[in-house]
Amino acid sequence: MLRFFYPNFAGGRTAVGLLIVRVVMGLAFILHGWPKIQQPLSWMPPDAPIPGILQACAALAEFGGGIALILGLLTPLASLGLAITMFVAMFLVHVPAGHAFVPSKPGDPSYELAAIYLVLSVLFLLVGPGSLSLDALIFKPKAGS
C-alpha cells in the first residue's frame, strides 16, 4: 500500500528542487493558515456559505499542511488537503466572483495564487516529496526488502 502513496523518492538535484519548493510553499501556507487556525470555526465572514467545520478543515490543511510540507512528512495527505482547499478557493470564491486569473492592476483580486498552489499540491501528490524528506527516511523501502 505504501508503494501507492510513495512510488519512489527522487534523489539528486530533483530532491533539492523539491525540497526548495516544499519549504517555500510550506512557509507560505503556515503564514496563510496562522490567522485562520486562531479562529478555526469562524475565520470567514458570518454570511459565508462554508460551514464552520469545513473552515476548520481548511485552516488545518493550510497551517498543518504547511508544516508537513516543510518536513516532508505525510506529504500525500498534506498535498491532498491543500489541493482540495485551493480547488474550493478557486471555484467557490474566485471564479464565481468573476476574479481574473491574473489581476489587470496591482491589488486587484485574482485566482492566480490559488491555481499555482493547486498545481504544486498536485505535483507533490504525483511526484512525492523527494529523498530529502522525513517520508523518505520513514517509508523508503530498506535495501534487500
Protein backbone atom coordinates (compact mmCIF):
# COMPACT_ATOMS: atom_id res chain seq x y z
CA MET A 1 0.00 0.00 0.00
CA LEU A 2 2.88 2.38 0.75
CA ARG A 3 4.07 1.99 -2.85
CA PHE A 4 0.81 3.60 -3.98
CA PHE A 5 1.44 6.71 -1.88
CA TYR A 6 5.23 6.69 -2.24
CA PRO A 7 6.13 5.14 -5.61
CA ASN A 8 9.75 6.36 -5.35
CA PHE A 9 11.76 9.11 -3.77
CA ALA A 10 13.53 11.28 -6.31
CA GLY A 11 17.14 11.96 -5.45
CA GLY A 12 19.94 14.23 -6.60
CA ARG A 13 19.14 17.65 -7.98
CA THR A 14 15.46 16.77 -8.25
CA ALA A 15 15.32 16.15 -4.49
CA VAL A 16 16.97 19.53 -3.85
CA GLY A 17 14.45 21.25 -6.14
CA LEU A 18 11.53 19.53 -4.43
CA LEU A 19 12.92 20.49 -1.02
CA ILE A 20 13.17 24.16 -2.02
CA VAL A 21 9.60 24.21 -3.36
CA ARG A 22 8.32 22.35 -0.27
CA VAL A 23 9.97 24.80 2.13
CA VAL A 24 8.80 27.95 0.32
CA MET A 25 5.27 26.64 -0.25
CA GLY A 26 5.08 25.26 3.29
CA LEU A 27 6.16 28.56 4.80
CA ALA A 28 3.58 30.43 2.69
CA PHE A 29 0.83 28.09 3.87
CA ILE A 30 1.87 28.39 7.50
CA LEU A 31 1.61 32.17 7.18
CA HIS A 32 -1.75 31.93 5.38
CA GLY A 33 -3.07 29.40 7.89
CA TRP A 34 -1.83 31.02 11.11
CA PRO A 35 -4.60 33.64 11.42
CA LYS A 36 -7.19 31.03 10.40
CA ILE A 37 -6.04 28.47 12.95
CA GLN A 38 -6.54 31.13 15.66
CA GLN A 39 -10.31 31.07 14.95
CA PRO A 40 -10.71 27.83 13.02
CA LEU A 41 -14.52 27.67 13.06
CA SER A 42 -15.18 31.30 12.17
CA TRP A 43 -12.36 32.88 10.16
CA MET A 44 -14.73 33.61 7.27
CA PRO A 45 -17.44 36.27 7.42
CA PRO A 46 -20.63 35.16 9.22
CA ASP A 47 -22.59 35.06 5.93
CA ALA A 48 -20.03 32.76 4.25
CA PRO A 49 -21.57 29.64 2.69
CA ILE A 50 -18.86 27.40 4.19
CA PRO A 51 -19.81 25.71 7.50
CA GLY A 52 -17.51 26.17 10.48
CA ILE A 53 -16.26 22.58 10.41
CA LEU A 54 -15.08 22.98 6.81
CA GLN A 55 -13.44 26.28 7.71
CA ALA A 56 -11.55 24.37 10.41
CA CYS A 57 -10.53 21.72 7.87
CA ALA A 58 -9.17 24.44 5.59
CA ALA A 59 -7.31 26.13 8.45
CA LEU A 60 -5.78 22.81 9.47
CA ALA A 61 -4.92 21.95 5.86
CA GLU A 62 -3.11 25.26 5.42
CA PHE A 63 -1.32 25.51 8.76
CA GLY A 64 -0.68 21.82 9.39
CA GLY A 65 -0.13 21.09 5.72
CA GLY A 66 2.49 23.82 5.57
CA ILE A 67 4.39 22.28 8.46
CA ALA A 68 4.07 18.81 6.92
CA LEU A 69 5.39 20.07 3.56
CA ILE A 70 8.45 21.67 5.12
CA LEU A 71 9.25 18.45 6.95
CA GLY A 72 8.27 16.25 4.02
CA LEU A 73 6.11 14.27 6.43
CA LEU A 74 2.85 12.64 5.31
CA THR A 75 3.26 14.61 2.09
CA PRO A 76 0.46 12.86 0.16
CA LEU A 77 -2.07 13.64 2.91
CA ALA A 78 -0.88 17.25 3.26
CA SER A 79 -0.90 17.73 -0.51
CA LEU A 80 -4.40 16.33 -0.84
CA GLY A 81 -5.72 18.66 1.87
CA LEU A 82 -4.04 21.65 0.27
CA ALA A 83 -5.24 20.72 -3.23
CA ILE A 84 -8.84 20.45 -2.01
CA THR A 85 -8.56 23.76 -0.15
CA MET A 86 -7.18 25.55 -3.21
CA PHE A 87 -9.77 23.96 -5.50
CA VAL A 88 -12.53 25.23 -3.22
CA ALA A 89 -10.92 28.68 -3.02
CA MET A 90 -10.77 28.88 -6.81
CA PHE A 91 -14.19 27.52 -7.68
CA LEU A 92 -16.32 28.66 -4.74
CA VAL A 93 -14.75 32.08 -4.21
CA HIS A 94 -12.63 33.49 -7.02
CA VAL A 95 -14.28 32.20 -10.21
CA PRO A 96 -17.90 32.88 -9.10
CA ALA A 97 -16.84 36.40 -8.07
CA GLY A 98 -15.51 36.97 -11.58
CA HIS A 99 -11.90 37.42 -10.49
CA ALA A 100 -9.38 37.29 -13.32
CA PHE A 101 -6.68 34.63 -13.46
CA VAL A 102 -4.04 37.38 -13.37
CA PRO A 103 -5.00 40.79 -11.98
CA SER A 104 -5.16 43.62 -14.51
CA LYS A 105 -4.00 46.13 -11.86
CA PRO A 106 -1.82 45.56 -8.80
CA GLY A 107 -4.02 44.79 -5.80
CA ASP A 108 -6.97 43.52 -7.83
CA PRO A 109 -8.27 40.08 -6.78
CA SER A 110 -7.30 37.07 -8.86
CA TYR A 111 -7.09 33.30 -8.56
CA GLU A 112 -3.53 33.09 -9.86
CA LEU A 113 -2.00 32.15 -6.50
CA ALA A 114 -4.70 29.60 -5.67
CA ALA A 115 -4.12 27.98 -9.09
CA ILE A 116 -0.36 27.84 -8.55
CA TYR A 117 -0.79 26.30 -5.11
CA LEU A 118 -3.30 23.81 -6.51
CA VAL A 119 -0.91 22.74 -9.27
CA LEU A 120 2.02 22.44 -6.85
CA SER A 121 -0.11 20.35 -4.50
CA VAL A 122 -0.94 18.01 -7.39
CA LEU A 123 2.78 17.90 -8.25
CA PHE A 124 3.59 16.63 -4.75
CA LEU A 125 0.74 14.11 -4.97
CA LEU A 126 2.16 12.73 -8.22
CA VAL A 127 5.91 13.06 -7.66
CA GLY A 128 6.23 12.82 -3.89
CA PRO A 129 8.44 14.83 -1.55
CA GLY A 130 11.81 13.60 -2.79
CA SER A 131 14.56 11.81 -0.91
CA LEU A 132 15.31 14.84 1.31
CA SER A 133 12.20 14.31 3.43
CA LEU A 134 11.04 12.56 6.57
CA ASP A 135 8.74 10.48 4.37
CA ALA A 136 11.81 9.03 2.60
CA LEU A 137 13.53 8.39 5.91
CA ILE A 138 10.47 6.62 7.35
CA PHE A 139 8.81 4.99 4.35
CA LYS A 140 11.59 4.27 1.83
CA PRO A 141 11.94 0.52 1.35
CA LYS A 142 15.06 -0.84 3.01
CA ALA A 143 17.73 -2.39 0.76
CA GLY A 144 17.01 -6.07 0.18
CA SER A 145 13.36 -5.89 1.27
